[in-house]
Amino acid sequence: MNRLFRNRNFSILFIGRLITNIGDSMYYIAAMWLVYKLGGSAFYSGLAGFLTMLPQAFQFIAGPIIDRCSIRKLLIVTQLLQAILLSLIPIAHYWHMLSVTLILIVMPLAACLNQVSFPAESALIPQILSKTLRVRANSLMAVAQQGTDAAFNAISGALVALVGAIALYSADILTFFIAALLFSALKLHHAPSDQKKLSLKEQANHYFADLREGFQLVLHSFLAKILLASAITNFVFGAMMASLPAYSDTIGGAKTYGLLLAGMSIGSLIGAGSAGLFERFAFGHLMIAGYTLGFLCWLTSLFVPVLSLKIILFSSSMIPIGLTNVLSFAMMQNIIPQHLMARSISVIASISSCIMPIGSLIGGALSALLGARMVFASASISLLFLALYIFMVPILRRIPSINHVQPENYGFHSLATDEK
């Protein structure tokens, strides 16, 4: 841990992630509340949520830009643009011009800018850290993100009631300015390719060629098998989240719903935070064992009669998911060539994000048709399916410990990343 924070660039990146995630959480809370109050209907809240999540499906668009540009400048510019964009809300409120329409325009635009940060930070970690430190770094970054989300979701009502949504927006704007100042202190040696002498048409051709290369790299390599597992997980989560309110209502009501959501966050946090303890184990075997145990915990939670035990078991089923997410990113950072890193990760994130709304739609429909309990139970079986899938695919089953993964074993021999 001390070795990580002795790295100046990582310390800046980690604190920046922490601050921007606090800002994102405050912005989402304030925006959803304002939309509901101004629109007077839950329809607008649903529309706002859809518009905010939609840009995640297009994260792949940012990948080639990140690979060719200065990550430091991109992080600074996107933070400043988000601060300026979000400042329109309190300004409009001050001049009595605030409307649902304005918020519904600002929300997806701010979310689009936010799609640059995640792949940019993931692409930066291999530049600034050695292979042996990447698992712990990804673990800390995941904890920073999920921890702030869990904390601010838990106190959202109190924050809005205490200071008001507009004040929350103002505080949010300040966090983006602070993050931009932090990212300006990054000292990186990577020199992106110079395209200043290229015409606009040539730059566009380069961009689309890079975009196509990113999709080809993911869909025609070992990464496609990882993508399939990620897509299954996201589909299941979408279906489970759609059925969770109705399932909770049958076993305890709104309070139980809140406890199950909190349990999900806590389980994922424990898994992400403990990733460093498991990096020495063969990753393929770890995924098989983890998903199997997750399935058993989830399924058992359906049948135990004690509510507290239900919540503990369900929370425990999320631990292997948080754990494998962190280790998967470290593995990809160890095998994907640096100049293809951002476009590859953004393609995987985009395709996975597209699957979740589909799972939510199908899960909601099946819950109405078959009952929420049936859908919730079926979602648990998917973890067992994942374990069997990894066991049946030799290249996945045989993945060694993260630090012993070699790019040439996965089709990246001539493009292997430099070890630090």
Protein backbone atom coordinates (compact mmCIF):
# COMPACT_ATOMS: atom_id res chain seq x y z
CA MET A 1 0.00 0.00 0.00
CA ASN A 2 2.79 2.43 0.92
CA ARG A 3 4.54 1.65 -2.38
CA LEU A 4 1.42 2.71 -4.25
CA PHE A 5 1.03 6.03 -2.50
CA ARG A 6 4.72 6.78 -2.77
CA ASN A 7 4.01 6.95 -6.50
CA ARG A 8 3.07 10.62 -6.93
CA ASN A 9 1.04 10.08 -10.09
CA PHE A 10 -1.04 7.30 -8.55
CA SER A 11 -1.73 9.37 -5.42
CA ILE A 12 -3.01 12.20 -7.61
CA LEU A 13 -5.07 9.80 -9.73
CA PHE A 14 -6.61 8.12 -6.67
CA ILE A 15 -7.53 11.37 -4.89
CA GLY A 16 -8.85 12.76 -8.18
CA ARG A 17 -11.03 9.66 -8.65
CA LEU A 18 -12.33 10.01 -5.09
CA ILE A 19 -13.24 13.66 -5.54
CA THR A 20 -14.82 13.25 -8.99
CA ASN A 21 -16.92 10.32 -7.77
CA ILE A 22 -18.16 12.38 -4.84
CA GLY A 23 -19.08 15.03 -7.39
CA ASP A 24 -20.81 12.53 -9.66
CA SER A 25 -22.83 11.14 -6.76
CA MET A 26 -23.94 14.59 -5.62
CA TYR A 27 -24.81 15.59 -9.16
CA TYR A 28 -26.93 12.47 -9.76
CA ILE A 29 -28.77 12.83 -6.44
CA ALA A 30 -29.51 16.52 -6.97
CA ALA A 31 -30.53 16.08 -10.61
CA MET A 32 -32.94 13.21 -9.97
CA TRP A 33 -34.60 15.10 -7.12
CA LEU A 34 -34.89 18.35 -9.11
CA VAL A 35 -36.35 16.55 -12.12
CA TYR A 36 -38.94 14.84 -9.94
CA LYS A 37 -39.93 18.07 -8.13
CA LEU A 38 -40.05 20.24 -11.26
CA GLY A 39 -41.82 17.63 -13.39
CA GLY A 40 -44.15 16.42 -10.65
CA SER A 41 -44.02 12.85 -11.92
CA ALA A 42 -41.86 9.74 -11.54
CA PHE A 43 -41.89 9.54 -15.35
CA TYR A 44 -39.35 12.35 -15.51
CA SER A 45 -37.13 10.63 -12.95
CA GLY A 46 -37.18 7.48 -15.08
CA LEU A 47 -36.40 9.48 -18.22
CA ALA A 48 -33.55 11.27 -16.44
CA GLY A 49 -32.09 7.96 -15.28
CA PHE A 50 -32.29 6.55 -18.81
CA LEU A 51 -30.61 9.60 -20.35
CA THR A 52 -27.85 9.49 -17.73
CA MET A 53 -27.06 5.80 -18.30
CA LEU A 54 -27.36 5.91 -22.10
CA PRO A 55 -23.91 7.50 -22.77
CA GLN A 56 -22.24 4.47 -21.14
CA ALA A 57 -23.22 2.47 -24.21
CA PHE A 58 -21.17 4.84 -26.39
CA GLN A 59 -18.02 4.87 -24.28
CA PHE A 60 -16.17 3.17 -27.15
CA ILE A 61 -16.26 6.48 -29.06
CA ALA A 62 -13.81 7.97 -26.55
CA GLY A 63 -11.32 5.09 -26.75
CA PRO A 64 -9.32 6.11 -29.86
CA ILE A 65 -9.23 9.73 -28.68
CA ILE A 66 -7.74 8.70 -25.34
CA ASP A 67 -5.16 6.45 -27.03
CA ARG A 68 -3.92 9.28 -29.26
CA CYS A 69 -4.18 12.29 -26.95
CA SER A 70 -2.56 13.39 -23.71
CA ILE A 71 -4.50 11.68 -20.91
CA ARG A 72 -3.51 14.46 -18.52
CA LYS A 73 -5.04 17.13 -20.77
CA LEU A 74 -8.16 15.05 -21.39
CA LEU A 75 -8.76 14.60 -17.66
CA ILE A 76 -8.29 18.33 -17.00
CA VAL A 77 -10.51 19.46 -19.89
CA THR A 78 -13.36 17.04 -19.14
CA GLN A 79 -13.43 18.08 -15.45
CA LEU A 80 -13.54 21.77 -16.37
CA LEU A 81 -16.22 21.25 -19.02
CA GLN A 82 -18.39 19.31 -16.55
CA ALA A 83 -18.02 22.12 -14.01
CA ILE A 84 -19.02 24.75 -16.58
CA LEU A 85 -21.91 22.65 -17.89
CA LEU A 86 -23.34 21.94 -14.43
CA SER A 87 -23.05 25.60 -13.45
CA LEU A 88 -25.93 26.27 -15.87
CA ILE A 89 -28.32 24.75 -13.30
CA PRO A 90 -27.70 27.14 -10.36
CA ILE A 91 -27.40 30.07 -12.79
CA ALA A 92 -30.80 29.21 -14.31
CA HIS A 93 -32.24 28.82 -10.82
CA TYR A 94 -30.90 32.25 -9.79
CA TRP A 95 -32.56 33.87 -12.82
CA HIS A 96 -35.80 31.85 -12.30
CA MET A 97 -35.31 30.02 -15.60
CA LEU A 98 -34.75 26.50 -14.31
CA SER A 99 -36.84 23.83 -16.06
CA VAL A 100 -37.06 20.07 -16.46
CA THR A 101 -36.00 20.44 -20.08
CA LEU A 102 -32.73 22.17 -19.15
CA ILE A 103 -31.84 19.47 -16.61
CA LEU A 104 -32.69 16.70 -19.09
CA ILE A 105 -30.32 18.33 -21.60
CA VAL A 106 -27.49 18.92 -19.11
CA MET A 107 -27.62 15.43 -17.54
CA PRO A 108 -26.70 13.35 -20.63
CA LEU A 109 -24.13 15.92 -21.79
CA ALA A 110 -22.36 15.77 -18.43
CA ALA A 111 -22.61 11.96 -18.51
CA CYS A 112 -20.97 11.95 -21.97
CA LEU A 113 -17.99 13.90 -20.65
CA ASN A 114 -17.77 11.51 -17.73
CA GLN A 115 -17.30 8.55 -20.11
CA VAL A 116 -13.79 9.78 -20.87
CA SER A 117 -12.57 9.55 -17.26
CA PHE A 118 -12.98 5.82 -16.63
CA PRO A 119 -11.11 4.42 -19.69
CA ALA A 120 -8.53 7.22 -19.42
CA GLU A 121 -7.72 6.35 -15.80
CA SER A 122 -7.64 2.61 -16.62
CA ALA A 123 -5.26 3.28 -19.53
CA LEU A 124 -3.06 5.44 -17.30
CA ILE A 125 -2.42 2.83 -14.60
CA PRO A 126 -0.10 0.64 -16.77
CA GLN A 127 1.89 3.78 -17.66
CA ILE A 128 2.62 4.74 -14.07
CA LEU A 129 2.74 1.40 -12.21
CA SER A 130 4.58 -1.90 -12.53
CA LYS A 131 2.74 -5.17 -13.13
CA THR A 132 3.02 -6.21 -9.50
CA LEU A 133 1.18 -3.11 -8.26
CA ARG A 134 -1.71 -3.01 -10.74
CA VAL A 135 -4.10 -5.33 -8.88
CA ARG A 136 -3.83 -3.27 -5.70
CA ALA A 137 -4.17 -0.06 -7.70
CA ASN A 138 -7.34 -1.25 -9.47
CA SER A 139 -8.69 -2.48 -6.14
CA LEU A 140 -8.21 0.92 -4.53
CA MET A 141 -9.71 2.73 -7.52
CA ALA A 142 -12.76 0.44 -7.42
CA VAL A 143 -13.18 0.98 -3.68
CA ALA A 144 -12.94 4.75 -4.20
CA GLN A 145 -15.68 4.61 -6.82
CA GLN A 146 -18.04 2.14 -5.18
CA GLY A 147 -17.43 3.46 -1.68
CA THR A 148 -18.41 7.02 -2.56
CA ASP A 149 -21.45 5.79 -4.47
CA ALA A 150 -22.60 3.67 -1.53
CA ALA A 151 -22.00 6.46 0.99
CA PHE A 152 -23.74 9.19 -0.96
CA ASN A 153 -26.65 6.97 -1.98
CA ALA A 154 -27.16 6.23 1.71
CA ILE A 155 -27.22 9.91 2.76
CA SER A 156 -28.84 11.34 -0.37
CA GLY A 157 -32.15 12.24 1.24
CA ALA A 158 -30.46 13.90 4.20
CA LEU A 159 -28.19 15.97 1.94
CA VAL A 160 -31.03 17.26 -0.20
CA ALA A 161 -33.16 18.02 2.87
CA LEU A 162 -30.28 19.69 4.71
CA VAL A 163 -28.73 21.94 2.06
CA GLY A 164 -31.11 21.72 -0.91
CA ALA A 165 -30.54 20.39 -4.42
CA ILE A 166 -29.16 23.67 -5.80
CA ALA A 167 -26.58 23.92 -3.02
CA LEU A 168 -25.61 20.32 -3.77
CA TYR A 169 -25.08 21.28 -7.41
CA SER A 170 -22.83 24.17 -6.35
CA ALA A 171 -20.71 21.87 -4.18
CA ASP A 172 -20.54 19.42 -7.09
CA ILE A 173 -19.17 22.11 -9.41
CA LEU A 174 -16.43 22.87 -6.88
CA THR A 175 -15.35 19.20 -6.79
CA PHE A 176 -14.78 19.21 -10.57
CA PHE A 177 -12.59 22.33 -10.35
CA ILE A 178 -10.56 20.73 -7.54
CA ALA A 179 -10.17 17.52 -9.58
CA ALA A 180 -8.99 19.49 -12.63
CA LEU A 181 -6.38 21.23 -10.44
CA LEU A 182 -5.21 17.86 -9.12
CA PHE A 183 -4.92 16.27 -12.57
CA SER A 184 -2.87 19.24 -13.75
CA ALA A 185 -0.16 18.06 -11.31
CA LEU A 186 0.26 14.72 -13.09
CA LYS A 187 3.74 14.24 -14.57
CA LEU A 188 3.64 11.78 -17.45
CA HIS A 189 6.32 10.83 -19.97
CA HIS A 190 3.97 9.40 -22.58
CA ALA A 191 4.10 11.43 -25.76
CA PRO A 192 1.04 10.86 -27.93
CA SER A 193 1.36 10.83 -31.68
CA ASP A 194 1.34 14.27 -33.25
CA GLN A 195 -1.55 14.78 -35.63
CA LYS A 196 -1.31 18.58 -35.95
CA LYS A 197 0.01 18.33 -39.52
CA LEU A 198 -2.82 16.07 -40.66
CA SER A 199 -5.88 17.44 -42.40
CA LEU A 200 -9.30 17.12 -40.81
CA LYS A 201 -10.19 14.33 -43.25
CA GLU A 202 -6.97 12.44 -42.46
CA GLN A 203 -7.59 12.78 -38.73
CA ALA A 204 -11.15 11.46 -39.20
CA ASN A 205 -9.80 8.50 -41.19
CA HIS A 206 -7.28 7.76 -38.44
CA TYR A 207 -10.02 7.96 -35.81
CA PHE A 208 -12.35 5.50 -37.55
CA ALA A 209 -9.45 3.17 -38.30
CA ASP A 210 -8.55 3.19 -34.59
CA LEU A 211 -12.18 2.60 -33.66
CA ARG A 212 -12.40 -0.37 -36.02
CA GLU A 213 -9.11 -1.72 -34.68
CA GLY A 214 -10.47 -1.57 -31.12
CA PHE A 215 -13.57 -3.59 -32.03
CA GLN A 216 -11.52 -6.12 -34.02
CA LEU A 217 -9.05 -6.53 -31.15
CA VAL A 218 -11.85 -7.28 -28.68
CA LEU A 219 -14.17 -9.35 -30.86
CA HIS A 220 -11.49 -11.47 -32.58
CA SER A 221 -9.25 -12.30 -29.64
CA PHE A 222 -9.19 -13.84 -26.20
CA LEU A 223 -10.91 -10.67 -24.95
CA ALA A 224 -14.17 -11.76 -26.63
CA LYS A 225 -14.42 -14.62 -24.13
CA ILE A 226 -13.94 -12.18 -21.25
CA LEU A 227 -16.53 -9.89 -22.85
CA LEU A 228 -19.09 -12.71 -22.97
CA ALA A 229 -18.68 -13.34 -19.23
CA SER A 230 -19.01 -9.59 -18.55
CA ALA A 231 -22.12 -9.36 -20.73
CA ILE A 232 -23.76 -12.27 -18.90
CA THR A 233 -23.03 -10.62 -15.54
CA ASN A 234 -24.49 -7.28 -16.67
CA PHE A 235 -27.58 -8.92 -18.18
CA VAL A 236 -28.22 -10.72 -14.91
CA PHE A 237 -27.71 -7.58 -12.86
CA GLY A 238 -30.17 -5.70 -15.05
CA ALA A 239 -32.79 -8.44 -14.62
CA MET A 240 -32.12 -8.73 -10.89
CA MET A 241 -32.37 -4.97 -10.31
CA ALA A 242 -35.71 -4.90 -12.16
CA SER A 243 -37.11 -7.70 -9.99
CA LEU A 244 -35.58 -6.53 -6.70
CA PRO A 245 -38.28 -3.99 -5.65
CA ALA A 246 -41.10 -6.52 -6.15
CA TYR A 247 -39.08 -9.32 -4.53
CA SER A 248 -38.28 -7.08 -1.55
CA ASP A 249 -41.94 -6.19 -1.21
CA THR A 250 -42.81 -9.87 -0.70
CA ILE A 251 -40.31 -10.32 2.16
CA GLY A 252 -40.41 -7.03 4.04
CA GLY A 253 -41.16 -3.94 1.95
CA ALA A 254 -39.24 -0.76 1.24
CA LYS A 255 -36.90 -1.12 4.22
CA THR A 256 -35.82 -4.56 2.99
CA TYR A 257 -35.26 -3.12 -0.50
CA GLY A 258 -32.88 -0.52 0.95
CA LEU A 259 -31.05 -3.15 3.00
CA LEU A 260 -30.59 -5.44 -0.02
CA LEU A 261 -29.22 -2.54 -2.08
CA ALA A 262 -26.83 -1.65 0.75
CA GLY A 263 -25.82 -5.31 0.98
CA MET A 264 -24.99 -5.36 -2.74
CA SER A 265 -22.71 -2.35 -2.35
CA ILE A 266 -21.02 -3.74 0.75
CA GLY A 267 -20.42 -7.15 -0.85
CA SER A 268 -18.95 -5.60 -4.00
CA LEU A 269 -16.75 -3.31 -1.90
CA ILE A 270 -15.42 -6.22 0.16
CA GLY A 271 -14.62 -8.13 -3.03
CA ALA A 272 -12.89 -5.15 -4.68
CA GLY A 273 -11.01 -4.24 -1.54
CA SER A 274 -9.70 -7.75 -0.96
CA ALA A 275 -8.46 -8.31 -4.54
CA GLY A 276 -4.83 -7.85 -3.49
CA LEU A 277 -5.09 -10.86 -1.20
CA PHE A 278 -6.03 -13.14 -4.10
CA GLU A 279 -3.71 -11.97 -6.88
CA ARG A 280 -1.29 -14.86 -6.22
CA PHE A 281 -3.95 -17.48 -7.00
CA ALA A 282 -4.65 -18.85 -10.49
CA PHE A 283 -7.32 -16.47 -11.80
CA GLY A 284 -9.18 -19.10 -13.83
CA HIS A 285 -9.61 -21.38 -10.80
CA LEU A 286 -10.49 -18.39 -8.63
CA MET A 287 -13.34 -17.36 -10.94
CA ILE A 288 -14.76 -20.90 -11.00
CA ALA A 289 -14.66 -21.20 -7.19
CA GLY A 290 -15.86 -17.63 -6.62
CA TYR A 291 -18.87 -17.79 -8.94
CA THR A 292 -19.86 -21.20 -7.55
CA LEU A 293 -19.77 -19.91 -3.98
CA GLY A 294 -21.63 -16.78 -5.07
CA PHE A 295 -24.37 -18.92 -6.61
CA LEU A 296 -24.70 -21.00 -3.42
CA CYS A 297 -24.95 -17.90 -1.21
CA TRP A 298 -27.47 -16.19 -3.49
CA LEU A 299 -29.68 -19.27 -3.88
CA THR A 300 -29.55 -20.08 -0.16
CA SER A 301 -30.66 -16.52 0.65
CA LEU A 302 -33.98 -17.33 -1.03
CA PHE A 303 -34.84 -20.12 1.39
CA VAL A 304 -33.55 -19.04 4.80
CA PRO A 305 -36.40 -17.69 6.94
CA VAL A 306 -34.41 -15.06 8.88
CA LEU A 307 -34.33 -11.70 7.07
CA SER A 308 -30.93 -10.64 8.42
CA LEU A 309 -29.42 -13.90 7.21
CA LYS A 310 -31.02 -13.43 3.78
CA ILE A 311 -29.34 -10.04 3.47
CA ILE A 312 -25.94 -11.33 4.66
CA LEU A 313 -26.01 -14.26 2.21
CA PHE A 314 -27.09 -12.06 -0.70
CA SER A 315 -24.39 -9.53 0.17
CA SER A 316 -21.83 -12.37 0.28
CA SER A 317 -22.80 -13.46 -3.23
CA MET A 318 -21.59 -10.06 -4.52
CA ILE A 319 -18.05 -10.51 -3.11
CA PRO A 320 -16.71 -12.70 -5.97
CA ILE A 321 -18.18 -10.28 -8.53
CA GLY A 322 -16.36 -7.29 -7.00
CA LEU A 323 -13.21 -9.39 -6.72
CA THR A 324 -13.18 -10.68 -10.32
CA ASN A 325 -13.99 -7.22 -11.73
CA VAL A 326 -10.80 -5.79 -10.24
CA LEU A 327 -8.63 -8.76 -11.22
CA SER A 328 -10.06 -8.77 -14.77
CA PHE A 329 -9.02 -5.16 -15.31
CA ALA A 330 -5.53 -5.87 -13.98
CA MET A 331 -5.24 -8.85 -16.32
CA MET A 332 -6.29 -6.77 -19.35
CA GLN A 333 -3.82 -4.04 -18.40
CA ASN A 334 -1.07 -6.69 -18.33
CA ILE A 335 -1.78 -8.17 -21.77
CA ILE A 336 -3.22 -5.38 -23.97
CA PRO A 337 -0.64 -3.20 -25.76
CA GLN A 338 -0.48 0.27 -24.21
CA HIS A 339 -1.38 2.10 -27.43
CA LEU A 340 -4.58 0.02 -27.71
CA MET A 341 -5.53 0.08 -24.03
CA ALA A 342 -8.23 2.77 -23.88
CA ARG A 343 -10.06 1.75 -27.06
CA SER A 344 -10.13 -1.91 -25.96
CA ILE A 345 -11.40 -1.23 -22.43
CA SER A 346 -13.96 1.28 -23.70
CA VAL A 347 -15.31 -1.22 -26.27
CA ILE A 348 -15.74 -3.86 -23.54
CA ALA A 349 -17.43 -1.33 -21.23
CA SER A 350 -19.75 -0.09 -23.99
CA ILE A 351 -20.94 -3.53 -25.09
CA SER A 352 -21.41 -4.64 -21.48
CA SER A 353 -23.38 -1.47 -20.70
CA CYS A 354 -25.71 -2.09 -23.65
CA ILE A 355 -26.64 -5.47 -22.19
CA MET A 356 -27.77 -4.21 -18.78
CA PRO A 357 -30.85 -2.24 -19.97
CA ILE A 358 -31.91 -5.26 -22.04
CA GLY A 359 -31.64 -7.44 -18.94
CA SER A 360 -33.66 -4.88 -16.99
CA LEU A 361 -36.40 -4.82 -19.62
CA ILE A 362 -36.64 -8.62 -19.82
CA GLY A 363 -36.36 -9.01 -16.05
CA GLY A 364 -39.21 -6.58 -15.47
CA ALA A 365 -41.43 -8.33 -18.00
CA LEU A 366 -40.67 -11.79 -16.61
CA SER A 367 -41.25 -10.58 -13.05
CA ALA A 368 -44.74 -9.46 -14.03
CA LEU A 369 -45.38 -12.74 -15.86
CA LEU A 370 -43.72 -15.34 -13.61
CA GLY A 371 -43.22 -13.51 -10.34
CA ALA A 372 -40.24 -11.60 -8.95
CA ARG A 373 -39.06 -14.52 -6.81
CA MET A 374 -38.67 -16.73 -9.88
CA VAL A 375 -36.61 -14.10 -11.70
CA PHE A 376 -34.48 -13.47 -8.59
CA ALA A 377 -33.81 -17.22 -8.30
CA SER A 378 -33.00 -17.53 -12.02
CA ALA A 379 -30.50 -14.68 -11.71
CA SER A 380 -28.60 -16.65 -9.07
CA ILE A 381 -28.31 -19.65 -11.41
CA SER A 382 -26.47 -17.46 -13.91
CA LEU A 383 -23.47 -17.36 -11.54
CA LEU A 384 -23.32 -21.15 -11.70
CA PHE A 385 -23.54 -20.89 -15.49
CA LEU A 386 -20.57 -18.49 -15.45
CA ALA A 387 -18.53 -20.93 -13.37
CA LEU A 388 -19.37 -23.77 -15.80
CA TYR A 389 -18.60 -21.56 -18.81
CA ILE A 390 -15.13 -20.70 -17.48
CA PHE A 391 -14.51 -24.36 -16.60
CA MET A 392 -15.48 -25.49 -20.14
CA VAL A 393 -13.28 -22.91 -21.94
CA PRO A 394 -9.64 -24.06 -21.57
CA ILE A 395 -8.04 -20.66 -22.15
CA LEU A 396 -10.14 -19.16 -19.35
CA ARG A 397 -9.80 -22.10 -16.99
CA ARG A 398 -5.99 -22.02 -17.30
CA ILE A 399 -5.46 -18.30 -16.64
CA PRO A 400 -2.60 -18.15 -14.11
CA SER A 401 -2.17 -15.62 -11.31
CA ILE A 402 -2.48 -12.05 -12.58
CA ASN A 403 1.22 -11.22 -12.24
CA HIS A 404 2.19 -14.31 -14.27
CA VAL A 405 -0.11 -13.58 -17.23
CA GLN A 406 1.98 -13.33 -20.41
CA PRO A 407 0.66 -11.35 -23.43
CA GLU A 408 2.11 -13.86 -25.96
CA ASN A 409 -0.12 -16.60 -24.52
CA TYR A 410 -3.21 -14.62 -25.55
CA GLY A 411 -2.31 -13.53 -29.07
CA PHE A 412 -0.40 -10.34 -28.24
CA HIS A 413 3.15 -11.56 -28.73
CA SER A 414 4.35 -8.87 -31.13
CA LEU A 415 2.42 -6.10 -29.40
CA ALA A 416 3.23 -6.96 -25.79
CA THR A 417 3.22 -4.13 -23.33
CA ASP A 418 6.47 -3.00 -21.80
CA GLU A 419 7.06 -4.18 -18.28
CA LYS A 420 7.96 -1.56 -15.74
